[in-house]
Amino acid sequence: MDSPQPRRRVDVDAHTAAVARPGLRILTAGEEALSHACSSDAQYGHLAISPATAHCGYPLGRWLAGQRSRQRRGVLSAEREQALAGIDPWWCPPWDLKWQRCYHRAQRATRSRFLRASC
């Protein structure tokens, strides 16, 4: 019985990968972030996540915090703003984000009927 050949490590840059697999498109950093935002919104129903939140290992919360900061300073591109608003219209609310998170928690609780009033 022959021994298996040891695996060789091959470094491949984006161009070489694109040529080798023409149907595969490499995402830009912004596209990757928007893809994670879309997936997170589909899972949780909103983008009101804390800066410490990671989605599938991607630092989505930190990226969204940066986008919100750019939006408030008026330097976020219209294209990026539209993309985020298309995912969640309240991705950058004028009120505190903690309130937005609590709102979504309460909304989810009422849908699942776990909300109880206490005195």
PDB file of N, CA and C in Angstrom:
ATOM      1  N   MET A   1       0.845  -1.173   0.000  1.00  0.00           N
ATOM      2  CA  MET A   1       0.000   0.000   0.000  1.00  0.00           C
ATOM      3  C   MET A   1       0.891   1.237   0.000  1.00  0.00           C
ATOM      4  N   ASP A   2       0.577   2.184  -0.866  1.00  0.00           N
ATOM      5  CA  ASP A   2       1.348   3.419  -0.957  1.00  0.00           C
ATOM      6  C   ASP A   2       0.938   4.391   0.131  1.00  0.00           C
ATOM      7  N   SER A   3       1.911   5.134   0.596  1.00  0.00           N
ATOM      8  CA  SER A   3       1.632   6.185   1.585  1.00  0.00           C
ATOM      9  C   SER A   3       1.026   7.383   0.871  1.00  0.00           C
ATOM     10  N   PRO A   4       0.080   8.044   1.521  1.00  0.00           N
ATOM     11  CA  PRO A   4      -0.476   9.242   0.890  1.00  0.00           C
ATOM     12  C   PRO A   4       0.588  10.319   0.773  1.00  0.00           C
ATOM     13  N   GLN A   5       0.491  11.065  -0.291  1.00  0.00           N
ATOM     14  CA  GLN A   5       1.436  12.162  -0.502  1.00  0.00           C
ATOM     15  C   GLN A   5       1.135  13.283   0.497  1.00  0.00           C
ATOM     16  N   PRO A   6       2.183  13.904   1.031  1.00  0.00           N
ATOM     17  CA  PRO A   6       1.927  15.033   1.935  1.00  0.00           C
ATOM     18  C   PRO A   6       1.297  16.183   1.158  1.00  0.00           C
ATOM     19  N   ARG A   7       0.415  16.891   1.822  1.00  0.00           N
ATOM     20  CA  ARG A   7      -0.243  18.035   1.177  1.00  0.00           C
ATOM     21  C   ARG A   7       0.711  19.201   1.089  1.00  0.00           C
ATOM     22  N   ARG A   8       0.668  19.857  -0.067  1.00  0.00           N
ATOM     23  CA  ARG A   8       1.473  21.058  -0.257  1.00  0.00           C
ATOM     24  C   ARG A   8       0.584  22.263  -0.037  1.00  0.00           C
ATOM     25  N   ARG A   9       1.119  23.260   0.583  1.00  0.00           N
ATOM     26  CA  ARG A   9       0.387  24.510   0.750  1.00  0.00           C
ATOM     27  C   ARG A   9       0.633  25.365  -0.485  1.00  0.00           C
ATOM     28  N   VAL A  10      -0.443  25.859  -1.043  1.00  0.00           N
ATOM     29  CA  VAL A  10      -0.352  26.696  -2.225  1.00  0.00           C
ATOM     30  C   VAL A  10      -0.996  28.034  -1.894  1.00  0.00           C
ATOM     31  N   ASP A  11      -0.237  29.094  -2.019  1.00  0.00           N
ATOM     32  CA  ASP A  11      -0.783  30.428  -1.794  1.00  0.00           C
ATOM     33  C   ASP A  11      -1.449  30.899  -3.079  1.00  0.00           C
ATOM     34  N   VAL A  12      -2.690  31.320  -2.959  1.00  0.00           N
ATOM     35  CA  VAL A  12      -3.454  31.764  -4.124  1.00  0.00           C
ATOM     36  C   VAL A  12      -3.986  33.160  -3.831  1.00  0.00           C
ATOM     37  N   ASP A  13      -3.731  34.081  -4.752  1.00  0.00           N
ATOM     38  CA  ASP A  13      -4.284  35.425  -4.587  1.00  0.00           C
ATOM     39  C   ASP A  13      -5.675  35.475  -5.222  1.00  0.00           C
ATOM     40  N   ALA A  14      -6.373  36.586  -5.055  1.00  0.00           N
ATOM     41  CA  ALA A  14      -7.748  36.721  -5.539  1.00  0.00           C
ATOM     42  C   ALA A  14      -7.836  36.554  -7.058  1.00  0.00           C
ATOM     43  N   HIS A  15      -6.879  37.100  -7.779  1.00  0.00           N
ATOM     44  CA  HIS A  15      -6.907  37.007  -9.241  1.00  0.00           C
ATOM     45  C   HIS A  15      -6.773  35.552  -9.695  1.00  0.00           C
ATOM     46  N   THR A  16      -5.833  34.837  -9.113  1.00  0.00           N
ATOM     47  CA  THR A  16      -5.623  33.435  -9.481  1.00  0.00           C
ATOM     48  C   THR A  16      -6.863  32.609  -9.161  1.00  0.00           C
ATOM     49  N   ALA A  17      -7.473  32.871  -8.020  1.00  0.00           N
ATOM     50  CA  ALA A  17      -8.695  32.145  -7.643  1.00  0.00           C
ATOM     51  C   ALA A  17      -9.815  32.437  -8.630  1.00  0.00           C
ATOM     52  N   ALA A  18      -9.951  33.691  -9.056  1.00  0.00           N
ATOM     53  CA  ALA A  18     -11.000  34.063  -9.998  1.00  0.00           C
ATOM     54  C   ALA A  18     -10.791  33.390 -11.346  1.00  0.00           C
ATOM     55  N   VAL A  19      -9.539  33.271 -11.779  1.00  0.00           N
ATOM     56  CA  VAL A  19      -9.234  32.622 -13.051  1.00  0.00           C
ATOM     57  C   VAL A  19      -9.485  31.111 -12.944  1.00  0.00           C
ATOM     58  N   ALA A  20      -9.126  30.529 -11.816  1.00  0.00           N
ATOM     59  CA  ALA A  20      -9.283  29.090 -11.632  1.00  0.00           C
ATOM     60  C   ALA A  20     -10.755  28.681 -11.529  1.00  0.00           C
ATOM     61  N   ARG A  21     -11.565  29.545 -10.931  1.00  0.00           N
ATOM     62  CA  ARG A  21     -12.995  29.253 -10.776  1.00  0.00           C
ATOM     63  C   ARG A  21     -13.787  30.449 -11.265  1.00  0.00           C
ATOM     64  N   PRO A  22     -13.989  30.563 -12.572  1.00  0.00           N
ATOM     65  CA  PRO A  22     -14.622  31.760 -13.130  1.00  0.00           C
ATOM     66  C   PRO A  22     -16.033  32.022 -12.635  1.00  0.00           C
ATOM     67  N   GLY A  23     -16.772  31.012 -12.196  1.00  0.00           N
ATOM     68  CA  GLY A  23     -18.128  31.214 -11.689  1.00  0.00           C
ATOM     69  C   GLY A  23     -18.143  31.775 -10.275  1.00  0.00           C
ATOM     70  N   LEU A  24     -17.026  31.697  -9.591  1.00  0.00           N
ATOM     71  CA  LEU A  24     -16.931  32.166  -8.209  1.00  0.00           C
ATOM     72  C   LEU A  24     -16.504  33.620  -8.198  1.00  0.00           C
ATOM     73  N   ARG A  25     -17.266  34.455  -7.538  1.00  0.00           N
ATOM     74  CA  ARG A  25     -16.943  35.870  -7.467  1.00  0.00           C
ATOM     75  C   ARG A  25     -16.464  36.197  -6.063  1.00  0.00           C
ATOM     76  N   ILE A  26     -15.344  36.862  -5.958  1.00  0.00           N
ATOM     77  CA  ILE A  26     -14.795  37.269  -4.672  1.00  0.00           C
ATOM     78  C   ILE A  26     -15.521  38.536  -4.219  1.00  0.00           C
ATOM     79  N   LEU A  27     -16.027  38.525  -2.998  1.00  0.00           N
ATOM     80  CA  LEU A  27     -16.731  39.685  -2.464  1.00  0.00           C
ATOM     81  C   LEU A  27     -15.747  40.738  -1.981  1.00  0.00           C
ATOM     82  N   THR A  28     -16.119  42.003  -2.164  1.00  0.00           N
ATOM     83  CA  THR A  28     -15.328  43.079  -1.566  1.00  0.00           C
ATOM     84  C   THR A  28     -15.648  43.089  -0.074  1.00  0.00           C
ATOM     85  N   ALA A  29     -14.870  43.836   0.704  1.00  0.00           N
ATOM     86  CA  ALA A  29     -15.097  43.905   2.146  1.00  0.00           C
ATOM     87  C   ALA A  29     -16.498  44.448   2.449  1.00  0.00           C
ATOM     88  N   GLY A  30     -16.923  45.465   1.705  1.00  0.00           N
ATOM     89  CA  GLY A  30     -18.256  46.028   1.914  1.00  0.00           C
ATOM     90  C   GLY A  30     -19.358  45.047   1.561  1.00  0.00           C
ATOM     91  N   GLU A  31     -19.170  44.314   0.475  1.00  0.00           N
ATOM     92  CA  GLU A  31     -20.160  43.311   0.076  1.00  0.00           C
ATOM     93  C   GLU A  31     -20.237  42.181   1.098  1.00  0.00           C
ATOM     94  N   GLU A  32     -19.087  41.797   1.624  1.00  0.00           N
ATOM     95  CA  GLU A  32     -19.072  40.746   2.640  1.00  0.00           C
ATOM     96  C   GLU A  32     -19.824  41.211   3.880  1.00  0.00           C
ATOM     97  N   ALA A  33     -19.583  42.449   4.302  1.00  0.00           N
ATOM     98  CA  ALA A  33     -20.259  42.991   5.479  1.00  0.00           C
ATOM     99  C   ALA A  33     -21.764  43.072   5.247  1.00  0.00           C
ATOM    100  N   LEU A  34     -22.168  43.538   4.077  1.00  0.00           N
ATOM    101  CA  LEU A  34     -23.602  43.620   3.770  1.00  0.00           C
ATOM    102  C   LEU A  34     -24.237  42.236   3.711  1.00  0.00           C
ATOM    103  N   SER A  35     -23.491  41.259   3.240  1.00  0.00           N
ATOM    104  CA  SER A  35     -23.984  39.890   3.207  1.00  0.00           C
ATOM    105  C   SER A  35     -24.235  39.388   4.631  1.00  0.00           C
ATOM    106  N   HIS A  36     -23.311  39.674   5.542  1.00  0.00           N
ATOM    107  CA  HIS A  36     -23.496  39.287   6.949  1.00  0.00           C
ATOM    108  C   HIS A  36     -24.664  40.051   7.565  1.00  0.00           C
ATOM    109  N   ALA A  37     -24.798  41.329   7.225  1.00  0.00           N
ATOM    110  CA  ALA A  37     -25.906  42.137   7.746  1.00  0.00           C
ATOM    111  C   ALA A  37     -27.237  41.550   7.294  1.00  0.00           C
ATOM    112  N   CYS A  38     -27.316  41.178   6.046  1.00  0.00           N
ATOM    113  CA  CYS A  38     -28.540  40.598   5.484  1.00  0.00           C
ATOM    114  C   CYS A  38     -28.875  39.278   6.177  1.00  0.00           C
ATOM    115  N   SER A  39     -27.882  38.453   6.372  1.00  0.00           N
ATOM    116  CA  SER A  39     -28.070  37.164   7.021  1.00  0.00           C
ATOM    117  C   SER A  39     -28.486  37.341   8.487  1.00  0.00           C
ATOM    118  N   SER A  40     -27.857  38.268   9.180  1.00  0.00           N
ATOM    119  CA  SER A  40     -28.187  38.535  10.581  1.00  0.00           C
ATOM    120  C   SER A  40     -29.613  39.067  10.700  1.00  0.00           C
ATOM    121  N   ASP A  41     -29.992  39.965   9.803  1.00  0.00           N
ATOM    122  CA  ASP A  41     -31.354  40.506   9.811  1.00  0.00           C
ATOM    123  C   ASP A  41     -32.373  39.403   9.553  1.00  0.00           C
ATOM    124  N   ALA A  42     -32.070  38.500   8.646  1.00  0.00           N
ATOM    125  CA  ALA A  42     -32.971  37.387   8.359  1.00  0.00           C
ATOM    126  C   ALA A  42     -33.131  36.494   9.588  1.00  0.00           C
ATOM    127  N   GLN A  43     -32.074  36.366  10.361  1.00  0.00           N
ATOM    128  CA  GLN A  43     -32.108  35.509  11.539  1.00  0.00           C
ATOM    129  C   GLN A  43     -32.792  36.185  12.724  1.00  0.00           C
ATOM    130  N   TYR A  44     -32.500  37.483  12.943  1.00  0.00           N
ATOM    131  CA  TYR A  44     -32.980  38.169  14.148  1.00  0.00           C
ATOM    132  C   TYR A  44     -34.058  39.223  13.880  1.00  0.00           C
ATOM    133  N   GLY A  45     -34.232  39.642  12.637  1.00  0.00           N
ATOM    134  CA  GLY A  45     -35.276  40.594  12.306  1.00  0.00           C
ATOM    135  C   GLY A  45     -34.902  42.052  12.442  1.00  0.00           C
ATOM    136  N   HIS A  46     -33.633  42.339  12.701  1.00  0.00           N
ATOM    137  CA  HIS A  46     -33.199  43.731  12.838  1.00  0.00           C
ATOM    138  C   HIS A  46     -31.670  43.812  12.806  1.00  0.00           C
ATOM    139  N   LEU A  47     -31.170  45.042  12.699  1.00  0.00           N
ATOM    140  CA  LEU A  47     -29.723  45.288  12.739  1.00  0.00           C
ATOM    141  C   LEU A  47     -29.331  46.091  13.968  1.00  0.00           C
ATOM    142  N   ALA A  48     -30.177  46.110  14.986  1.00  0.00           N
ATOM    143  CA  ALA A  48     -29.889  46.853  16.213  1.00  0.00           C
ATOM    144  C   ALA A  48     -29.009  46.004  17.130  1.00  0.00           C
ATOM    145  N   ILE A  49     -27.846  45.643  16.644  1.00  0.00           N
ATOM    146  CA  ILE A  49     -26.954  44.778  17.417  1.00  0.00           C
ATOM    147  C   ILE A  49     -25.850  45.608  18.061  1.00  0.00           C
ATOM    148  N   SER A  50     -25.298  45.086  19.138  1.00  0.00           N
ATOM    149  CA  SER A  50     -24.248  45.812  19.853  1.00  0.00           C
ATOM    150  C   SER A  50     -22.927  45.727  19.089  1.00  0.00           C
ATOM    151  N   PRO A  51     -22.030  46.662  19.339  1.00  0.00           N
ATOM    152  CA  PRO A  51     -20.731  46.638  18.657  1.00  0.00           C
ATOM    153  C   PRO A  51     -19.920  45.364  18.914  1.00  0.00           C
ATOM    154  N   ALA A  52     -20.202  44.671  20.004  1.00  0.00           N
ATOM    155  CA  ALA A  52     -19.453  43.454  20.328  1.00  0.00           C
ATOM    156  C   ALA A  52     -19.966  42.218  19.594  1.00  0.00           C
ATOM    157  N   THR A  53     -21.063  42.345  18.878  1.00  0.00           N
ATOM    158  CA  THR A  53     -21.689  41.193  18.211  1.00  0.00           C
ATOM    159  C   THR A  53     -20.911  40.762  16.970  1.00  0.00           C
ATOM    160  N   ALA A  54     -20.683  39.457  16.892  1.00  0.00           N
ATOM    161  CA  ALA A  54     -20.064  38.862  15.696  1.00  0.00           C
ATOM    162  C   ALA A  54     -21.107  37.967  15.047  1.00  0.00           C
ATOM    163  N   HIS A  55     -21.111  37.929  13.731  1.00  0.00           N
ATOM    164  CA  HIS A  55     -22.020  37.054  12.996  1.00  0.00           C
ATOM    165  C   HIS A  55     -21.176  36.083  12.184  1.00  0.00           C
ATOM    166  N   CYS A  56     -21.241  34.819  12.526  1.00  0.00           N
ATOM    167  CA  CYS A  56     -20.439  33.774  11.863  1.00  0.00           C
ATOM    168  C   CYS A  56     -18.956  34.149  11.855  1.00  0.00           C
ATOM    169  N   GLY A  57     -18.493  34.709  12.959  1.00  0.00           N
ATOM    170  CA  GLY A  57     -17.087  35.087  13.088  1.00  0.00           C
ATOM    171  C   GLY A  57     -16.742  36.448  12.519  1.00  0.00           C
ATOM    172  N   TYR A  58     -17.672  37.088  11.830  1.00  0.00           N
ATOM    173  CA  TYR A  58     -17.423  38.408  11.240  1.00  0.00           C
ATOM    174  C   TYR A  58     -17.827  39.486  12.254  1.00  0.00           C
ATOM    175  N   PRO A  59     -16.989  40.505  12.477  1.00  0.00           N
ATOM    176  CA  PRO A  59     -17.298  41.548  13.478  1.00  0.00           C
ATOM    177  C   PRO A  59     -18.379  42.517  12.978  1.00  0.00           C
ATOM    178  N   LEU A  60     -19.584  41.993  12.792  1.00  0.00           N
ATOM    179  CA  LEU A  60     -20.677  42.769  12.211  1.00  0.00           C
ATOM    180  C   LEU A  60     -21.075  43.950  13.081  1.00  0.00           C
ATOM    181  N   GLY A  61     -21.133  43.770  14.387  1.00  0.00           N
ATOM    182  CA  GLY A  61     -21.516  44.860  15.280  1.00  0.00           C
ATOM    183  C   GLY A  61     -20.555  46.035  15.188  1.00  0.00           C
ATOM    184  N   ARG A  62     -19.285  45.739  15.121  1.00  0.00           N
ATOM    185  CA  ARG A  62     -18.274  46.796  15.000  1.00  0.00           C
ATOM    186  C   ARG A  62     -18.395  47.498  13.647  1.00  0.00           C
ATOM    187  N   TRP A  63     -18.626  46.733  12.588  1.00  0.00           N
ATOM    188  CA  TRP A  63     -18.776  47.320  11.259  1.00  0.00           C
ATOM    189  C   TRP A  63     -20.014  48.221  11.203  1.00  0.00           C
ATOM    190  N   LEU A  64     -21.139  47.739  11.760  1.00  0.00           N
ATOM    191  CA  LEU A  64     -22.353  48.557  11.773  1.00  0.00           C
ATOM    192  C   LEU A  64     -22.168  49.824  12.600  1.00  0.00           C
ATOM    193  N   ALA A  65     -21.454  49.733  13.722  1.00  0.00           N
ATOM    194  CA  ALA A  65     -21.192  50.926  14.540  1.00  0.00           C
ATOM    195  C   ALA A  65     -20.422  51.956  13.721  1.00  0.00           C
ATOM    196  N   GLY A  66     -19.473  51.497  12.930  1.00  0.00           N
ATOM    197  CA  GLY A  66     -18.715  52.397  12.063  1.00  0.00           C
ATOM    198  C   GLY A  66     -19.589  53.028  10.988  1.00  0.00           C
ATOM    199  N   GLN A  67     -20.508  52.236  10.429  1.00  0.00           N
ATOM    200  CA  GLN A  67     -21.412  52.761   9.405  1.00  0.00           C
ATOM    201  C   GLN A  67     -22.364  53.790  10.011  1.00  0.00           C
ATOM    202  N   ARG A  68     -22.837  53.520  11.243  1.00  0.00           N
ATOM    203  CA  ARG A  68     -23.719  54.485  11.917  1.00  0.00           C
ATOM    204  C   ARG A  68     -22.978  55.788  12.202  1.00  0.00           C
ATOM    205  N   SER A  69     -21.730  55.674  12.605  1.00  0.00           N
ATOM    206  CA  SER A  69     -20.911  56.857  12.865  1.00  0.00           C
ATOM    207  C   SER A  69     -20.734  57.679  11.591  1.00  0.00           C
ATOM    208  N   ARG A  70     -20.460  57.007  10.491  1.00  0.00           N
ATOM    209  CA  ARG A  70     -20.316  57.706   9.205  1.00  0.00           C
ATOM    210  C   ARG A  70     -21.633  58.365   8.796  1.00  0.00           C
ATOM    211  N   GLN A  71     -22.740  57.661   9.018  1.00  0.00           N
ATOM    212  CA  GLN A  71     -24.054  58.209   8.673  1.00  0.00           C
ATOM    213  C   GLN A  71     -24.335  59.489   9.468  1.00  0.00           C
ATOM    214  N   ARG A  72     -24.059  59.455  10.753  1.00  0.00           N
ATOM    215  CA  ARG A  72     -24.330  60.622  11.607  1.00  0.00           C
ATOM    216  C   ARG A  72     -23.425  61.810  11.262  1.00  0.00           C
ATOM    217  N   ARG A  73     -22.230  61.528  10.780  1.00  0.00           N
ATOM    218  CA  ARG A  73     -21.319  62.606  10.368  1.00  0.00           C
ATOM    219  C   ARG A  73     -21.592  63.071   8.947  1.00  0.00           C
ATOM    220  N   GLY A  74     -22.479  62.376   8.240  1.00  0.00           N
ATOM    221  CA  GLY A  74     -22.826  62.746   6.878  1.00  0.00           C
ATOM    222  C   GLY A  74     -21.808  62.339   5.835  1.00  0.00           C
ATOM    223  N   VAL A  75     -20.994  61.317   6.122  1.00  0.00           N
ATOM    224  CA  VAL A  75     -19.969  60.893   5.164  1.00  0.00           C
ATOM    225  C   VAL A  75     -20.197  59.478   4.621  1.00  0.00           C
ATOM    226  N   LEU A  76     -21.326  58.861   4.954  1.00  0.00           N
ATOM    227  CA  LEU A  76     -21.635  57.537   4.420  1.00  0.00           C
ATOM    228  C   LEU A  76     -22.159  57.691   3.002  1.00  0.00           C
ATOM    229  N   SER A  77     -21.692  56.850   2.104  1.00  0.00           N
ATOM    230  CA  SER A  77     -22.143  56.953   0.707  1.00  0.00           C
ATOM    231  C   SER A  77     -23.636  56.658   0.615  1.00  0.00           C
ATOM    232  N   ALA A  78     -24.288  57.301  -0.340  1.00  0.00           N
ATOM    233  CA  ALA A  78     -25.726  57.089  -0.551  1.00  0.00           C
ATOM    234  C   ALA A  78     -26.005  55.635  -0.907  1.00  0.00           C
ATOM    235  N   GLU A  79     -25.099  55.036  -1.666  1.00  0.00           N
ATOM    236  CA  GLU A  79     -25.259  53.632  -2.053  1.00  0.00           C
ATOM    237  C   GLU A  79     -25.266  52.716  -0.830  1.00  0.00           C
ATOM    238  N   ARG A  80     -24.329  52.940   0.088  1.00  0.00           N
ATOM    239  CA  ARG A  80     -24.255  52.116   1.302  1.00  0.00           C
ATOM    240  C   ARG A  80     -25.470  52.367   2.194  1.00  0.00           C
ATOM    241  N   GLU A  81     -25.872  53.627   2.313  1.00  0.00           N
ATOM    242  CA  GLU A  81     -27.043  53.964   3.122  1.00  0.00           C
ATOM    243  C   GLU A  81     -28.291  53.259   2.583  1.00  0.00           C
ATOM    244  N   GLN A  82     -28.464  53.273   1.270  1.00  0.00           N
ATOM    245  CA  GLN A  82     -29.617  52.612   0.652  1.00  0.00           C
ATOM    246  C   GLN A  82     -29.564  51.103   0.853  1.00  0.00           C
ATOM    247  N   ALA A  83     -28.380  50.532   0.749  1.00  0.00           N
ATOM    248  CA  ALA A  83     -28.235  49.086   0.933  1.00  0.00           C
ATOM    249  C   ALA A  83     -28.624  48.688   2.356  1.00  0.00           C
ATOM    250  N   LEU A  84     -28.158  49.445   3.343  1.00  0.00           N
ATOM    251  CA  LEU A  84     -28.485  49.137   4.737  1.00  0.00           C
ATOM    252  C   LEU A  84     -29.967  49.380   5.025  1.00  0.00           C
ATOM    253  N   ALA A  85     -30.520  50.462   4.494  1.00  0.00           N
ATOM    254  CA  ALA A  85     -31.944  50.752   4.695  1.00  0.00           C
ATOM    255  C   ALA A  85     -32.814  49.702   4.017  1.00  0.00           C
ATOM    256  N   GLY A  86     -32.321  49.116   2.938  1.00  0.00           N
ATOM    257  CA  GLY A  86     -33.050  48.041   2.278  1.00  0.00           C
ATOM    258  C   GLY A  86     -33.094  46.774   3.117  1.00  0.00           C
ATOM    259  N   ILE A  87     -32.107  46.592   3.966  1.00  0.00           N
ATOM    260  CA  ILE A  87     -32.069  45.435   4.860  1.00  0.00           C
ATOM    261  C   ILE A  87     -32.936  45.709   6.088  1.00  0.00           C
ATOM    262  N   ASP A  88     -32.737  46.863   6.724  1.00  0.00           N
ATOM    263  CA  ASP A  88     -33.483  47.257   7.919  1.00  0.00           C
ATOM    264  C   ASP A  88     -33.662  48.773   7.879  1.00  0.00           C
ATOM    265  N   PRO A  89     -34.882  49.256   7.665  1.00  0.00           N
ATOM    266  CA  PRO A  89     -35.096  50.704   7.583  1.00  0.00           C
ATOM    267  C   PRO A  89     -34.647  51.465   8.830  1.00  0.00           C
ATOM    268  N   TRP A  90     -34.601  50.794   9.978  1.00  0.00           N
ATOM    269  CA  TRP A  90     -34.189  51.441  11.230  1.00  0.00           C
ATOM    270  C   TRP A  90     -32.790  50.990  11.648  1.00  0.00           C
ATOM    271  N   TRP A  91     -31.904  50.760  10.693  1.00  0.00           N
ATOM    272  CA  TRP A  91     -30.534  50.327  11.001  1.00  0.00           C
ATOM    273  C   TRP A  91     -29.770  51.408  11.764  1.00  0.00           C
ATOM    274  N   CYS A  92     -30.159  52.671  11.572  1.00  0.00           N
ATOM    275  CA  CYS A  92     -29.490  53.793  12.248  1.00  0.00           C
ATOM    276  C   CYS A  92     -30.553  54.750  12.794  1.00  0.00           C
ATOM    277  N   PRO A  93     -31.239  54.346  13.864  1.00  0.00           N
ATOM    278  CA  PRO A  93     -32.335  55.175  14.367  1.00  0.00           C
ATOM    279  C   PRO A  93     -31.818  56.455  15.029  1.00  0.00           C
ATOM    280  N   PRO A  94     -32.649  57.509  15.044  1.00  0.00           N
ATOM    281  CA  PRO A  94     -32.234  58.756  15.688  1.00  0.00           C
ATOM    282  C   PRO A  94     -32.237  58.651  17.219  1.00  0.00           C
ATOM    283  N   TRP A  95     -32.835  57.609  17.759  1.00  0.00           N
ATOM    284  CA  TRP A  95     -32.849  57.390  19.205  1.00  0.00           C
ATOM    285  C   TRP A  95     -31.774  56.387  19.590  1.00  0.00           C
ATOM    286  N   ASP A  96     -31.646  56.155  20.871  1.00  0.00           N
ATOM    287  CA  ASP A  96     -30.621  55.257  21.405  1.00  0.00           C
ATOM    288  C   ASP A  96     -30.808  53.831  20.890  1.00  0.00           C
ATOM    289  N   LEU A  97     -29.733  53.197  20.519  1.00  0.00           N
ATOM    290  CA  LEU A  97     -29.777  51.841  19.974  1.00  0.00           C
ATOM    291  C   LEU A  97     -30.221  50.821  21.024  1.00  0.00           C
ATOM    292  N   LYS A  98     -29.929  51.094  22.299  1.00  0.00           N
ATOM    293  CA  LYS A  98     -30.377  50.183  23.361  1.00  0.00           C
ATOM    294  C   LYS A  98     -31.905  50.108  23.371  1.00  0.00           C
ATOM    295  N   TRP A  99     -32.549  51.261  23.160  1.00  0.00           N
ATOM    296  CA  TRP A  99     -34.015  51.276  23.107  1.00  0.00           C
ATOM    297  C   TRP A  99     -34.484  50.404  21.953  1.00  0.00           C
ATOM    298  N   GLN A 100     -33.829  50.515  20.823  1.00  0.00           N
ATOM    299  CA  GLN A 100     -34.205  49.740  19.635  1.00  0.00           C
ATOM    300  C   GLN A 100     -34.078  48.245  19.903  1.00  0.00           C
ATOM    301  N   ARG A 101     -33.009  47.850  20.575  1.00  0.00           N
ATOM    302  CA  ARG A 101     -32.828  46.430  20.913  1.00  0.00           C
ATOM    303  C   ARG A 101     -33.928  45.954  21.859  1.00  0.00           C
ATOM    304  N   CYS A 102     -34.245  46.764  22.863  1.00  0.00           N
ATOM    305  CA  CYS A 102     -35.314  46.401  23.810  1.00  0.00           C
ATOM    306  C   CYS A 102     -36.656  46.297  23.104  1.00  0.00           C
ATOM    307  N   TYR A 103     -36.908  47.198  22.178  1.00  0.00           N
ATOM    308  CA  TYR A 103     -38.142  47.168  21.400  1.00  0.00           C
ATOM    309  C   TYR A 103     -38.259  45.842  20.651  1.00  0.00           C
ATOM    310  N   HIS A 104     -37.186  45.425  20.001  1.00  0.00           N
ATOM    311  CA  HIS A 104     -37.226  44.165  19.252  1.00  0.00           C
ATOM    312  C   HIS A 104     -37.383  42.971  20.183  1.00  0.00           C
ATOM    313  N   ARG A 105     -36.752  43.032  21.355  1.00  0.00           N
ATOM    314  CA  ARG A 105     -36.912  41.953  22.333  1.00  0.00           C
ATOM    315  C   ARG A 105     -38.371  41.844  22.779  1.00  0.00           C
ATOM    316  N   ALA A 106     -38.990  42.989  23.083  1.00  0.00           N
ATOM    317  CA  ALA A 106     -40.392  42.996  23.515  1.00  0.00           C
ATOM    318  C   ALA A 106     -41.305  42.520  22.387  1.00  0.00           C
ATOM    319  N   GLN A 107     -41.016  42.964  21.177  1.00  0.00           N
ATOM    320  CA  GLN A 107     -41.815  42.551  20.028  1.00  0.00           C
ATOM    321  C   GLN A 107     -41.738  41.033  19.832  1.00  0.00           C
ATOM    322  N   ARG A 108     -40.535  40.493  19.942  1.00  0.00           N
ATOM    323  CA  ARG A 108     -40.351  39.041  19.793  1.00  0.00           C
ATOM    324  C   ARG A 108     -41.078  38.298  20.919  1.00  0.00           C
ATOM    325  N   ALA A 109     -41.020  38.847  22.137  1.00  0.00           N
ATOM    326  CA  ALA A 109     -41.675  38.203  23.272  1.00  0.00           C
ATOM    327  C   ALA A 109     -43.192  38.185  23.111  1.00  0.00           C
ATOM    328  N   THR A 110     -43.756  39.262  22.580  1.00  0.00           N
ATOM    329  CA  THR A 110     -45.211  39.283  22.410  1.00  0.00           C
ATOM    330  C   THR A 110     -45.651  38.301  21.321  1.00  0.00           C
ATOM    331  N   ARG A 111     -44.820  38.130  20.315  1.00  0.00           N
ATOM    332  CA  ARG A 111     -45.154  37.155  19.258  1.00  0.00           C
ATOM    333  C   ARG A 111     -45.101  35.725  19.799  1.00  0.00           C
ATOM    334  N   SER A 112     -44.182  35.484  20.717  1.00  0.00           N
ATOM    335  CA  SER A 112     -44.063  34.129  21.274  1.00  0.00           C
ATOM    336  C   SER A 112     -44.864  33.980  22.562  1.00  0.00           C
ATOM    337  N   ARG A 113     -45.553  35.039  22.958  1.00  0.00           N
ATOM    338  CA  ARG A 113     -46.439  35.045  24.127  1.00  0.00           C
ATOM    339  C   ARG A 113     -45.722  34.807  25.448  1.00  0.00           C
ATOM    340  N   PHE A 114     -44.495  35.270  25.569  1.00  0.00           N
ATOM    341  CA  PHE A 114     -43.766  35.122  26.826  1.00  0.00           C
ATOM    342  C   PHE A 114     -43.728  36.427  27.632  1.00  0.00           C
ATOM    343  N   LEU A 115     -44.360  37.445  27.147  1.00  0.00           N
ATOM    344  CA  LEU A 115     -44.342  38.740  27.835  1.00  0.00           C
ATOM    345  C   LEU A 115     -45.352  38.710  28.966  1.00  0.00           C
ATOM    346  N   ARG A 116     -44.892  39.004  30.168  1.00  0.00           N
ATOM    347  CA  ARG A 116     -45.769  39.035  31.329  1.00  0.00           C
ATOM    348  C   ARG A 116     -45.623  40.388  32.008  1.00  0.00           C
ATOM    349  N   ALA A 117     -46.743  40.945  32.347  1.00  0.00           N
ATOM    350  CA  ALA A 117     -46.742  42.225  33.071  1.00  0.00           C
ATOM    351  C   ALA A 117     -46.565  41.921  34.558  1.00  0.00           C
ATOM    352  N   SER A 118     -45.762  42.730  35.213  1.00  0.00           N
ATOM    353  CA  SER A 118     -45.590  42.551  36.664  1.00  0.00           C
ATOM    354  C   SER A 118     -45.758  43.896  37.334  1.00  0.00           C
ATOM    355  N   CYS A 119     -46.207  43.871  38.584  1.00  0.00           N
ATOM    356  CA  CYS A 119     -46.428  45.109  39.341  1.00  0.00           C
ATOM    357  C   CYS A 119     -45.200  45.483  40.125  1.00  0.00           C
TER     358      CYS A 119
END
